[in-house]
Amino acid sequence: MSIPPTNGPNTPVEPKPAASVVLVREAPAGSPEPLEVYMIRRNRGMKFLGGYYAFPGGKVDPADGSPAVLARCRGLEAARAEATFPGHAGGPALAFWVTAVRELLEESGVLLACDETGRMLDPASPHIRDGIERCREALMAGEAPFADLIAREGWYCDLRSLRYLSHFITPISSPIRFTARFFLGPIPAGQEPRLFTEETSEGFWIHPAEGYRRFLSGEMKMAEPAEYGLAYLAQFAALDDLWAAHRDGRHKFQGIADRIDVLWNSFDWKANRFPGLRS
């Protein structure tokens, strides 16, 4: 991730695991671009990337890898998660997905969950809508672990829709470092992200190419995960095309320190800066 220069320590800080969700939806008919992505702006006073535009997410908490919460995951087996993130350090790989679900709820009020039968939540029901709000309020107040809160409602983390997008590690020069996994996710039916100001000052939907234009003009400060994420999304002509590109379950690019490695060989980054951005 690209952050303002700092006088880092002689020994690089060990990066902490983190996860974020890139919410994507089809744009309304007649829009200049086919997709919209949800972005937040981190509060200026935050120690890490304060004032930067980003996707909802945060660090992996130890409880995100607890047996209790892993038992309440549906749609992804633990073995598949380990195969997706080989060689990762720390707790179980599935914890990254749990973090993505938890942080999305904390920062946007959107909950990726289902009932015991696998049926998605229906926020049109006042009981469901109020339950989501109860979970978020209790989570932010630290009343109970995430696993306990969703168990109280009879819900499970629904991981079926999340698609692995990218992996970024903060440069070694930074005094605060993360090894962050980014997931694509469609907005669940009947839910809409909201702005909560504990950590963010803005929350909005934006066309990917428009967001990238604003980054290039200096209007929106971003680190590489958001920059490359928007540029990547700007190439797709439809939401179905985006999901089809992620059927293989592999991530498409990664940033290790200040280097970007592209793993999706059919896309030429230099030649595509970017079709949707050209005037």
Protein backbone atom coordinates (compact mmCIF):
# COMPACT_ATOMS: atom_id res chain seq x y z
CA MET A 1 0.00 0.00 0.00
CA SER A 2 1.27 3.45 -0.76
CA ILE A 3 1.28 5.73 2.26
CA PRO A 4 2.98 9.01 3.14
CA PRO A 5 6.76 8.57 3.76
CA THR A 6 7.73 7.81 7.33
CA ASN A 7 10.90 7.23 9.25
CA GLY A 8 10.31 3.55 9.81
CA PRO A 9 12.16 1.43 12.34
CA ASN A 10 15.33 -0.44 11.42
CA THR A 11 13.47 -3.72 11.75
CA PRO A 12 10.23 -3.74 9.73
CA VAL A 13 7.02 -4.08 11.70
CA GLU A 14 5.32 -7.45 11.31
CA PRO A 15 2.19 -6.92 9.19
CA LYS A 16 -1.12 -7.75 10.85
CA PRO A 17 -3.73 -9.77 8.93
CA ALA A 18 -6.71 -7.79 7.63
CA ALA A 19 -9.63 -8.17 5.24
CA SER A 20 -11.87 -5.86 3.21
CA VAL A 21 -14.97 -6.19 1.04
CA VAL A 22 -15.44 -4.53 -2.33
CA LEU A 23 -19.23 -4.25 -2.66
CA VAL A 24 -20.33 -4.12 -6.30
CA ARG A 25 -23.72 -3.69 -7.94
CA GLU A 26 -25.16 -3.02 -11.38
CA ALA A 27 -25.52 0.67 -12.17
CA PRO A 28 -28.99 2.07 -12.96
CA ALA A 29 -30.11 1.92 -16.58
CA GLY A 30 -28.69 4.74 -18.65
CA SER A 31 -25.62 5.22 -16.44
CA PRO A 32 -22.28 6.04 -18.12
CA GLU A 33 -20.76 2.87 -16.63
CA PRO A 34 -22.27 -0.59 -16.04
CA LEU A 35 -21.08 -1.02 -12.43
CA GLU A 36 -20.98 0.83 -9.13
CA VAL A 37 -18.70 0.14 -6.18
CA TYR A 38 -19.17 1.21 -2.57
CA MET A 39 -16.39 3.28 -1.03
CA ILE A 40 -15.75 4.92 2.31
CA ARG A 41 -13.45 7.71 3.42
CA ARG A 42 -11.46 7.03 6.54
CA ASN A 43 -11.63 9.75 9.18
CA ARG A 44 -8.75 12.19 8.88
CA GLY A 45 -7.65 11.59 12.47
CA MET A 46 -7.00 7.87 12.00
CA LYS A 47 -3.38 6.79 12.38
CA PHE A 48 -3.40 4.59 9.30
CA LEU A 49 -4.34 6.23 5.98
CA GLY A 50 -6.42 8.95 7.63
CA GLY A 51 -8.49 10.83 5.05
CA TYR A 52 -7.93 8.17 2.37
CA TYR A 53 -10.70 6.59 0.31
CA ALA A 54 -10.95 2.83 0.66
CA PHE A 55 -13.22 -0.19 0.85
CA PRO A 56 -14.86 -1.33 4.12
CA GLY A 57 -12.52 -3.54 6.14
CA GLY A 58 -10.15 -3.87 9.05
CA LYS A 59 -7.76 -6.10 10.94
CA VAL A 60 -8.42 -9.71 11.82
CA ASP A 61 -9.35 -10.07 15.48
CA PRO A 62 -8.31 -13.25 17.36
CA ALA A 63 -12.00 -14.05 17.88
CA ASP A 64 -12.51 -14.15 14.09
CA GLY A 65 -10.70 -17.49 14.08
CA SER A 66 -12.42 -18.99 17.12
CA PRO A 67 -14.08 -22.42 16.82
CA ALA A 68 -17.40 -20.83 17.76
CA VAL A 69 -17.48 -18.42 14.82
CA LEU A 70 -15.96 -20.88 12.33
CA ALA A 71 -18.78 -23.28 13.19
CA ARG A 72 -21.23 -20.58 12.12
CA CYS A 73 -19.80 -20.20 8.60
CA ARG A 74 -21.64 -21.48 5.56
CA GLY A 75 -20.60 -21.65 1.92
CA LEU A 76 -16.87 -22.30 2.29
CA GLU A 77 -15.07 -25.24 3.83
CA ALA A 78 -12.05 -24.65 6.05
CA ALA A 79 -9.87 -26.82 3.80
CA ARG A 80 -10.80 -24.74 0.75
CA ALA A 81 -9.93 -21.55 2.61
CA GLU A 82 -6.52 -22.95 3.57
CA ALA A 83 -5.87 -23.93 -0.05
CA THR A 84 -6.79 -20.41 -1.17
CA PHE A 85 -4.35 -18.76 1.26
CA PRO A 86 -1.39 -21.17 1.37
CA GLY A 87 1.44 -20.21 3.66
CA HIS A 88 -0.42 -17.52 5.57
CA ALA A 89 0.68 -16.94 9.14
CA GLY A 90 -1.40 -16.91 12.27
CA GLY A 91 -4.85 -18.40 12.76
CA PRO A 92 -7.11 -20.30 10.37
CA ALA A 93 -7.49 -18.90 6.85
CA LEU A 94 -11.26 -18.86 7.23
CA ALA A 95 -10.82 -16.06 9.75
CA PHE A 96 -10.15 -13.64 6.85
CA TRP A 97 -13.65 -14.30 5.52
CA VAL A 98 -15.15 -13.85 8.98
CA THR A 99 -13.32 -10.54 9.33
CA ALA A 100 -14.69 -9.43 5.97
CA VAL A 101 -18.25 -10.18 7.11
CA ARG A 102 -17.79 -8.58 10.54
CA GLU A 103 -16.07 -5.43 9.27
CA LEU A 104 -18.66 -4.95 6.55
CA LEU A 105 -21.36 -4.99 9.21
CA GLU A 106 -19.43 -2.60 11.45
CA GLU A 107 -18.63 -0.06 8.75
CA SER A 108 -21.67 -0.22 6.48
CA GLY A 109 -24.49 -2.01 8.32
CA VAL A 110 -24.60 -4.72 5.64
CA LEU A 111 -24.63 -8.30 6.93
CA LEU A 112 -23.72 -11.30 4.77
CA ALA A 113 -25.67 -13.94 6.63
CA CYS A 114 -28.16 -16.76 6.20
CA ASP A 115 -30.31 -18.99 8.39
CA GLU A 116 -29.61 -22.61 9.28
CA THR A 117 -31.07 -23.84 5.98
CA GLY A 118 -28.89 -21.49 3.94
CA ARG A 119 -31.70 -19.08 3.12
CA MET A 120 -30.49 -15.50 2.77
CA LEU A 121 -31.81 -12.91 5.18
CA ASP A 122 -34.82 -10.88 4.08
CA PRO A 123 -34.46 -7.33 5.46
CA ALA A 124 -38.00 -6.59 4.32
CA SER A 125 -38.99 -8.39 7.51
CA PRO A 126 -38.91 -6.01 10.49
CA HIS A 127 -37.57 -8.85 12.64
CA ILE A 128 -34.59 -9.35 10.31
CA ARG A 129 -33.99 -5.65 9.85
CA ASP A 130 -34.05 -5.00 13.58
CA GLY A 131 -31.85 -8.04 14.20
CA ILE A 132 -29.15 -6.72 11.88
CA GLU A 133 -29.24 -3.40 13.68
CA ARG A 134 -29.08 -5.13 17.08
CA CYS A 135 -26.04 -7.10 15.97
CA ARG A 136 -24.21 -4.04 14.76
CA GLU A 137 -24.96 -1.95 17.84
CA ALA A 138 -23.93 -4.75 20.19
CA LEU A 139 -20.79 -5.43 18.18
CA MET A 140 -19.71 -1.79 18.25
CA ALA A 141 -20.43 -1.63 21.98
CA GLY A 142 -18.31 -4.73 22.61
CA GLU A 143 -21.19 -6.49 24.33
CA ALA A 144 -20.32 -9.95 23.02
CA PRO A 145 -18.21 -11.72 20.37
CA PHE A 146 -19.52 -11.67 16.82
CA ALA A 147 -20.21 -15.42 16.96
CA ASP A 148 -22.47 -14.99 19.99
CA LEU A 149 -24.37 -12.11 18.42
CA ILE A 150 -25.28 -13.91 15.21
CA ALA A 151 -25.98 -17.13 17.13
CA ARG A 152 -28.46 -15.21 19.27
CA GLU A 153 -30.36 -14.39 16.09
CA GLY A 154 -30.04 -17.93 14.72
CA TRP A 155 -27.86 -16.76 11.79
CA TYR A 156 -24.67 -17.91 10.06
CA CYS A 157 -21.97 -16.08 8.11
CA ASP A 158 -22.89 -16.51 4.44
CA LEU A 159 -19.59 -16.76 2.54
CA ARG A 160 -21.04 -18.04 -0.74
CA SER A 161 -21.00 -14.72 -2.55
CA LEU A 162 -17.50 -13.54 -1.60
CA ARG A 163 -14.84 -13.84 -4.32
CA TYR A 164 -11.14 -13.40 -3.62
CA LEU A 165 -9.82 -10.32 -5.46
CA SER A 166 -6.38 -9.27 -4.27
CA HIS A 167 -3.70 -9.37 -1.58
CA PHE A 168 -1.70 -6.34 -0.47
CA ILE A 169 1.04 -5.93 2.12
CA THR A 170 1.92 -2.49 3.48
CA PRO A 171 5.45 -1.30 2.56
CA ILE A 172 8.19 -2.13 5.07
CA SER A 173 8.82 1.60 5.59
CA SER A 174 5.47 2.01 7.36
CA PRO A 175 5.27 1.92 11.19
CA ILE A 176 1.80 0.35 10.81
CA ARG A 177 1.57 -2.63 8.48
CA PHE A 178 -1.12 -5.03 7.27
CA THR A 179 -1.28 -8.10 5.09
CA ALA A 180 -4.76 -7.55 3.70
CA ARG A 181 -7.03 -9.80 1.67
CA PHE A 182 -9.68 -8.16 -0.50
CA PHE A 183 -12.94 -9.84 -1.48
CA LEU A 184 -15.54 -8.96 -4.09
CA GLY A 185 -19.15 -9.21 -2.99
CA PRO A 186 -22.55 -8.31 -4.46
CA ILE A 187 -24.80 -6.17 -2.31
CA PRO A 188 -27.30 -8.53 -0.63
CA ALA A 189 -30.89 -8.17 -1.81
CA GLY A 190 -32.84 -5.71 0.31
CA GLN A 191 -29.81 -4.25 2.07
CA GLU A 192 -28.15 -0.90 1.49
CA PRO A 193 -24.91 0.37 3.06
CA ARG A 194 -25.17 3.29 5.44
CA LEU A 195 -22.68 5.81 6.76
CA PHE A 196 -21.53 5.35 10.35
CA THR A 197 -19.09 7.94 11.58
CA GLU A 198 -17.10 6.00 14.18
CA GLU A 199 -14.29 5.50 11.64
CA THR A 200 -15.53 6.98 8.37
CA SER A 201 -16.58 10.44 7.19
CA GLU A 202 -18.08 9.48 3.83
CA GLY A 203 -19.80 6.47 2.29
CA PHE A 204 -21.07 6.36 -1.29
CA TRP A 205 -21.52 4.39 -4.50
CA ILE A 206 -19.32 5.41 -7.43
CA HIS A 207 -18.58 4.16 -10.93
CA PRO A 208 -15.15 2.46 -10.91
CA ALA A 209 -13.71 4.49 -13.80
CA GLU A 210 -15.06 7.71 -12.30
CA GLY A 211 -13.38 6.89 -9.00
CA TYR A 212 -10.14 6.17 -10.81
CA ARG A 213 -10.34 9.48 -12.69
CA ARG A 214 -10.74 11.28 -9.37
CA PHE A 215 -7.72 9.44 -8.02
CA LEU A 216 -5.60 10.47 -11.03
CA SER A 217 -6.70 14.09 -10.66
CA GLY A 218 -5.77 14.12 -6.98
CA GLU A 219 -9.35 14.61 -5.85
CA MET A 220 -9.50 11.28 -4.02
CA LYS A 221 -6.44 9.97 -2.16
CA MET A 222 -6.13 6.19 -2.28
CA ALA A 223 -3.64 3.46 -1.52
CA GLU A 224 -2.93 0.78 -4.13
CA PRO A 225 -5.71 -1.65 -3.08
CA ALA A 226 -8.37 0.94 -3.93
CA GLU A 227 -6.52 2.35 -6.94
CA TYR A 228 -5.99 -1.01 -8.60
CA GLY A 229 -9.35 -2.32 -7.47
CA LEU A 230 -11.19 0.50 -9.22
CA ALA A 231 -9.07 0.20 -12.35
CA TYR A 232 -9.67 -3.54 -12.46
CA LEU A 233 -13.44 -3.17 -12.11
CA ALA A 234 -13.56 -0.44 -14.78
CA GLN A 235 -12.81 -2.94 -17.55
CA PHE A 236 -15.97 -5.05 -17.06
CA ALA A 237 -19.02 -4.48 -19.22
CA ALA A 238 -21.46 -6.28 -16.91
CA LEU A 239 -21.73 -7.70 -13.40
CA ASP A 240 -22.10 -11.21 -14.83
CA ASP A 241 -18.77 -10.80 -16.64
CA LEU A 242 -17.09 -9.86 -13.36
CA TRP A 243 -18.42 -12.92 -11.54
CA ALA A 244 -17.46 -15.16 -14.47
CA ALA A 245 -13.87 -13.91 -14.23
CA HIS A 246 -13.78 -15.06 -10.60
CA ARG A 247 -15.13 -18.57 -10.99
CA ASP A 248 -11.60 -19.93 -10.63
CA GLY A 249 -11.42 -18.73 -7.00
CA ARG A 250 -7.99 -17.14 -7.53
CA HIS A 251 -6.99 -13.58 -6.80
CA LYS A 252 -6.15 -11.35 -9.75
CA PHE A 253 -3.33 -9.16 -8.48
CA GLN A 254 -1.25 -8.57 -5.38
CA GLY A 255 1.01 -5.89 -3.99
CA ILE A 256 4.07 -6.91 -2.03
CA ALA A 257 5.66 -3.76 -0.61
CA ASP A 258 5.76 -1.31 -3.55
CA ARG A 259 5.56 -3.92 -6.32
CA ILE A 260 2.37 -5.01 -8.10
CA ASP A 261 2.21 -8.58 -9.42
CA VAL A 262 -0.55 -9.32 -11.91
CA LEU A 263 -1.82 -12.88 -11.79
CA TRP A 264 -4.56 -12.54 -14.38
CA ASN A 265 -2.39 -12.78 -17.50
CA SER A 266 -5.10 -11.96 -20.03
CA PHE A 267 -5.32 -8.37 -18.77
CA ASP A 268 -2.55 -5.97 -19.81
CA TRP A 269 -2.43 -3.25 -17.15
CA LYS A 270 -0.16 -0.92 -19.12
CA ALA A 271 -2.23 -1.16 -22.30
CA ASN A 272 -5.46 -0.69 -20.39
CA ARG A 273 -5.12 2.45 -18.31
CA PHE A 274 -8.09 1.79 -18.80
CA PRO A 275 -10.75 1.37 -21.55
CA GLY A 276 -13.45 2.91 -19.37
CA LEU A 277 -11.21 5.89 -18.57
CA ARG A 278 -10.51 7.07 -22.09
CA SER A 279 -12.26 10.19 -23.28
